[in-house]
Amino acid sequence: MKTFEVQFRYRDRNEESIQSAVKVEASNLPGAIGKAAREFVKSLDRKQRFDMNKNGLEITAKPIATTTEAPEKTSAEAAAN
């Protein structure tokens, strides 16, 4: 799994720019954007969702790190050590 940082930006009704960043773990970039978008939209109230839909949503995503598990030794390697 890879870790991605997805940033969201939109303008509200007072013409102020609202920004939010979400860190998610996913196997690829489209999956990360989908997960982060669901989390972000769930956190908004009704008026904020309306403002976001009316003025548009800007999404920026970038990979942060890759989570890798340590390779396990095979039984032959373990017996040799």
N, C-alpha and C. Protein backbone atom coordinates (compact mmCIF):
# COMPACT_ATOMS: atom_id res chain seq x y z
N MET A 1 0.85 -1.18 0.00
CA MET A 1 0.00 0.00 0.00
C MET A 1 0.89 1.24 0.00
N LYS A 2 0.41 2.25 -0.68
CA LYS A 2 1.11 3.53 -0.74
C LYS A 2 0.33 4.57 0.04
N THR A 3 1.03 5.56 0.54
CA THR A 3 0.38 6.65 1.24
C THR A 3 0.37 7.87 0.33
N PHE A 4 -0.80 8.49 0.22
CA PHE A 4 -0.96 9.67 -0.62
C PHE A 4 -1.49 10.83 0.21
N GLU A 5 -1.10 12.04 -0.15
CA GLU A 5 -1.67 13.24 0.46
C GLU A 5 -2.52 13.91 -0.61
N VAL A 6 -3.79 14.07 -0.32
CA VAL A 6 -4.73 14.66 -1.27
C VAL A 6 -5.22 15.98 -0.67
N GLN A 7 -5.05 17.06 -1.42
CA GLN A 7 -5.46 18.38 -0.95
C GLN A 7 -6.68 18.84 -1.74
N PHE A 8 -7.63 19.44 -1.03
CA PHE A 8 -8.85 19.95 -1.64
C PHE A 8 -8.92 21.45 -1.41
N ARG A 9 -9.41 22.19 -2.42
CA ARG A 9 -9.55 23.63 -2.29
C ARG A 9 -10.79 24.08 -3.04
N TYR A 10 -11.59 24.94 -2.40
CA TYR A 10 -12.75 25.53 -3.05
C TYR A 10 -13.02 26.90 -2.47
N ARG A 11 -13.85 27.69 -3.14
CA ARG A 11 -14.22 29.03 -2.66
C ARG A 11 -15.61 28.96 -2.04
N ASP A 12 -15.75 29.59 -0.86
CA ASP A 12 -17.06 29.60 -0.23
C ASP A 12 -17.83 30.85 -0.64
N ARG A 13 -19.01 31.03 -0.08
CA ARG A 13 -19.89 32.14 -0.48
C ARG A 13 -19.34 33.50 -0.12
N ASN A 14 -18.37 33.58 0.79
CA ASN A 14 -17.74 34.85 1.15
C ASN A 14 -16.46 35.10 0.36
N GLU A 15 -16.27 34.32 -0.71
CA GLU A 15 -15.10 34.40 -1.59
C GLU A 15 -13.79 34.12 -0.85
N GLU A 16 -13.85 33.33 0.20
CA GLU A 16 -12.65 32.89 0.91
C GLU A 16 -12.27 31.51 0.40
N SER A 17 -10.99 31.27 0.31
CA SER A 17 -10.52 29.97 -0.15
C SER A 17 -10.42 29.02 1.04
N ILE A 18 -11.07 27.88 0.93
CA ILE A 18 -11.05 26.86 1.98
C ILE A 18 -10.16 25.71 1.50
N GLN A 19 -9.22 25.30 2.35
CA GLN A 19 -8.31 24.22 2.00
C GLN A 19 -8.38 23.12 3.05
N SER A 20 -8.17 21.91 2.59
CA SER A 20 -8.12 20.77 3.49
C SER A 20 -7.20 19.71 2.87
N ALA A 21 -6.48 18.98 3.72
CA ALA A 21 -5.60 17.92 3.25
C ALA A 21 -5.96 16.62 3.97
N VAL A 22 -5.97 15.54 3.22
CA VAL A 22 -6.31 14.23 3.76
C VAL A 22 -5.20 13.26 3.36
N LYS A 23 -4.72 12.47 4.32
CA LYS A 23 -3.74 11.43 4.02
C LYS A 23 -4.46 10.09 4.01
N VAL A 24 -4.28 9.34 2.93
CA VAL A 24 -4.93 8.05 2.79
C VAL A 24 -3.94 7.01 2.29
N GLU A 25 -4.24 5.76 2.58
CA GLU A 25 -3.46 4.65 2.06
C GLU A 25 -4.28 3.95 0.98
N ALA A 26 -3.67 3.75 -0.18
CA ALA A 26 -4.34 3.08 -1.28
C ALA A 26 -3.28 2.44 -2.17
N SER A 27 -3.73 1.57 -3.04
CA SER A 27 -2.78 0.88 -3.92
C SER A 27 -2.42 1.71 -5.14
N ASN A 28 -3.29 2.66 -5.54
CA ASN A 28 -2.98 3.49 -6.69
C ASN A 28 -3.58 4.90 -6.51
N LEU A 29 -3.20 5.82 -7.37
CA LEU A 29 -3.61 7.22 -7.26
C LEU A 29 -5.12 7.42 -7.41
N PRO A 30 -5.78 6.82 -8.40
CA PRO A 30 -7.24 7.01 -8.50
C PRO A 30 -7.99 6.49 -7.27
N GLY A 31 -7.55 5.40 -6.70
CA GLY A 31 -8.17 4.87 -5.49
C GLY A 31 -8.00 5.81 -4.32
N ALA A 32 -6.82 6.43 -4.22
CA ALA A 32 -6.55 7.38 -3.14
C ALA A 32 -7.43 8.61 -3.27
N ILE A 33 -7.61 9.10 -4.49
CA ILE A 33 -8.45 10.28 -4.70
C ILE A 33 -9.90 9.96 -4.35
N GLY A 34 -10.37 8.78 -4.72
CA GLY A 34 -11.74 8.38 -4.40
C GLY A 34 -11.98 8.28 -2.90
N LYS A 35 -11.04 7.64 -2.19
CA LYS A 35 -11.18 7.51 -0.73
C LYS A 35 -11.16 8.88 -0.06
N ALA A 36 -10.20 9.71 -0.46
CA ALA A 36 -10.06 11.02 0.16
C ALA A 36 -11.27 11.91 -0.14
N ALA A 37 -11.79 11.83 -1.35
CA ALA A 37 -12.96 12.64 -1.71
C ALA A 37 -14.17 12.25 -0.88
N ARG A 38 -14.38 10.95 -0.66
CA ARG A 38 -15.50 10.52 0.18
C ARG A 38 -15.35 11.04 1.60
N GLU A 39 -14.15 10.94 2.17
CA GLU A 39 -13.92 11.44 3.53
C GLU A 39 -14.15 12.94 3.60
N PHE A 40 -13.65 13.68 2.60
CA PHE A 40 -13.75 15.13 2.60
C PHE A 40 -15.20 15.59 2.50
N VAL A 41 -15.95 15.01 1.58
CA VAL A 41 -17.34 15.43 1.38
C VAL A 41 -18.20 15.07 2.60
N LYS A 42 -17.91 13.94 3.24
CA LYS A 42 -18.66 13.58 4.45
C LYS A 42 -18.44 14.58 5.58
N SER A 43 -17.28 15.24 5.59
CA SER A 43 -16.97 16.18 6.67
C SER A 43 -17.62 17.55 6.47
N LEU A 44 -18.20 17.81 5.30
CA LEU A 44 -18.81 19.11 5.01
C LEU A 44 -20.28 19.14 5.42
N ASP A 45 -20.76 20.33 5.76
CA ASP A 45 -22.19 20.46 6.01
C ASP A 45 -22.90 20.85 4.71
N ARG A 46 -24.20 21.05 4.76
CA ARG A 46 -25.02 21.27 3.57
C ARG A 46 -24.58 22.53 2.81
N LYS A 47 -24.35 23.63 3.51
CA LYS A 47 -23.96 24.89 2.84
C LYS A 47 -22.57 24.79 2.22
N GLN A 48 -21.67 24.13 2.90
CA GLN A 48 -20.33 23.96 2.36
C GLN A 48 -20.34 23.10 1.10
N ARG A 49 -21.17 22.05 1.09
CA ARG A 49 -21.29 21.21 -0.11
C ARG A 49 -21.84 22.02 -1.28
N PHE A 50 -22.83 22.86 -1.00
CA PHE A 50 -23.41 23.69 -2.04
C PHE A 50 -22.35 24.63 -2.62
N ASP A 51 -21.59 25.29 -1.76
CA ASP A 51 -20.53 26.20 -2.21
C ASP A 51 -19.49 25.46 -3.03
N MET A 52 -19.13 24.26 -2.59
CA MET A 52 -18.14 23.47 -3.31
C MET A 52 -18.65 23.11 -4.70
N ASN A 53 -19.91 22.68 -4.80
CA ASN A 53 -20.48 22.31 -6.09
C ASN A 53 -20.64 23.51 -7.00
N LYS A 54 -21.00 24.66 -6.44
CA LYS A 54 -21.23 25.86 -7.23
C LYS A 54 -19.93 26.43 -7.79
N ASN A 55 -18.90 26.50 -6.96
CA ASN A 55 -17.66 27.18 -7.35
C ASN A 55 -16.57 26.24 -7.82
N GLY A 56 -16.78 24.96 -7.74
CA GLY A 56 -15.79 23.99 -8.21
C GLY A 56 -14.84 23.56 -7.11
N LEU A 57 -14.29 22.39 -7.28
CA LEU A 57 -13.38 21.80 -6.32
C LEU A 57 -12.06 21.50 -7.02
N GLU A 58 -10.97 21.97 -6.44
CA GLU A 58 -9.65 21.71 -7.00
C GLU A 58 -8.99 20.62 -6.17
N ILE A 59 -8.54 19.56 -6.83
CA ILE A 59 -7.94 18.42 -6.14
C ILE A 59 -6.48 18.29 -6.57
N THR A 60 -5.58 18.19 -5.59
CA THR A 60 -4.16 17.97 -5.84
C THR A 60 -3.73 16.76 -5.03
N ALA A 61 -3.09 15.81 -5.69
CA ALA A 61 -2.67 14.58 -5.00
C ALA A 61 -1.21 14.30 -5.30
N LYS A 62 -0.52 13.78 -4.27
CA LYS A 62 0.87 13.39 -4.47
C LYS A 62 1.20 12.21 -3.56
N PRO A 63 2.05 11.32 -4.02
CA PRO A 63 2.44 10.19 -3.17
C PRO A 63 3.42 10.65 -2.09
N ILE A 64 3.29 10.07 -0.89
CA ILE A 64 4.19 10.42 0.21
C ILE A 64 5.20 9.31 0.44
N ALA A 65 4.70 8.09 0.65
CA ALA A 65 5.59 6.98 0.96
C ALA A 65 4.95 5.68 0.52
N THR A 66 5.77 4.65 0.47
CA THR A 66 5.29 3.32 0.16
C THR A 66 5.48 2.44 1.38
N THR A 67 4.42 1.79 1.79
CA THR A 67 4.50 0.88 2.93
C THR A 67 4.86 -0.50 2.41
N THR A 68 5.99 -0.99 2.85
CA THR A 68 6.40 -2.33 2.42
C THR A 68 6.62 -3.18 3.66
N GLU A 69 6.26 -4.42 3.54
CA GLU A 69 6.48 -5.35 4.63
C GLU A 69 7.84 -6.00 4.46
N ALA A 70 8.49 -6.33 5.57
CA ALA A 70 9.78 -6.99 5.51
C ALA A 70 9.60 -8.38 4.91
N PRO A 71 10.46 -8.75 3.98
CA PRO A 71 10.33 -10.09 3.38
C PRO A 71 10.63 -11.16 4.42
N GLU A 72 9.79 -12.17 4.42
CA GLU A 72 9.96 -13.27 5.37
C GLU A 72 10.99 -14.26 4.82
N LYS A 73 11.73 -14.86 5.74
CA LYS A 73 12.71 -15.86 5.33
C LYS A 73 12.01 -17.17 5.02
N THR A 74 12.50 -17.84 4.03
CA THR A 74 11.95 -19.16 3.72
C THR A 74 12.48 -20.15 4.75
N SER A 75 11.88 -21.29 4.84
CA SER A 75 12.29 -22.29 5.84
C SER A 75 13.72 -22.76 5.58
N ALA A 76 14.15 -22.82 4.32
CA ALA A 76 15.52 -23.25 3.99
C ALA A 76 16.52 -22.19 4.48
N GLU A 77 16.19 -20.90 4.31
CA GLU A 77 17.09 -19.84 4.76
C GLU A 77 17.15 -19.81 6.29
N ALA A 78 16.01 -20.02 6.94
CA ALA A 78 15.97 -20.01 8.41
C ALA A 78 16.79 -21.18 8.98
N ALA A 79 16.74 -22.35 8.34
CA ALA A 79 17.46 -23.52 8.81
C ALA A 79 18.96 -23.33 8.62
N ALA A 80 19.34 -22.61 7.55
CA ALA A 80 20.76 -22.38 7.28
C ALA A 80 21.37 -21.41 8.28
N ASN A 81 20.58 -20.50 8.81
CA ASN A 81 21.11 -19.50 9.76
C ASN A 81 21.07 -20.04 11.11
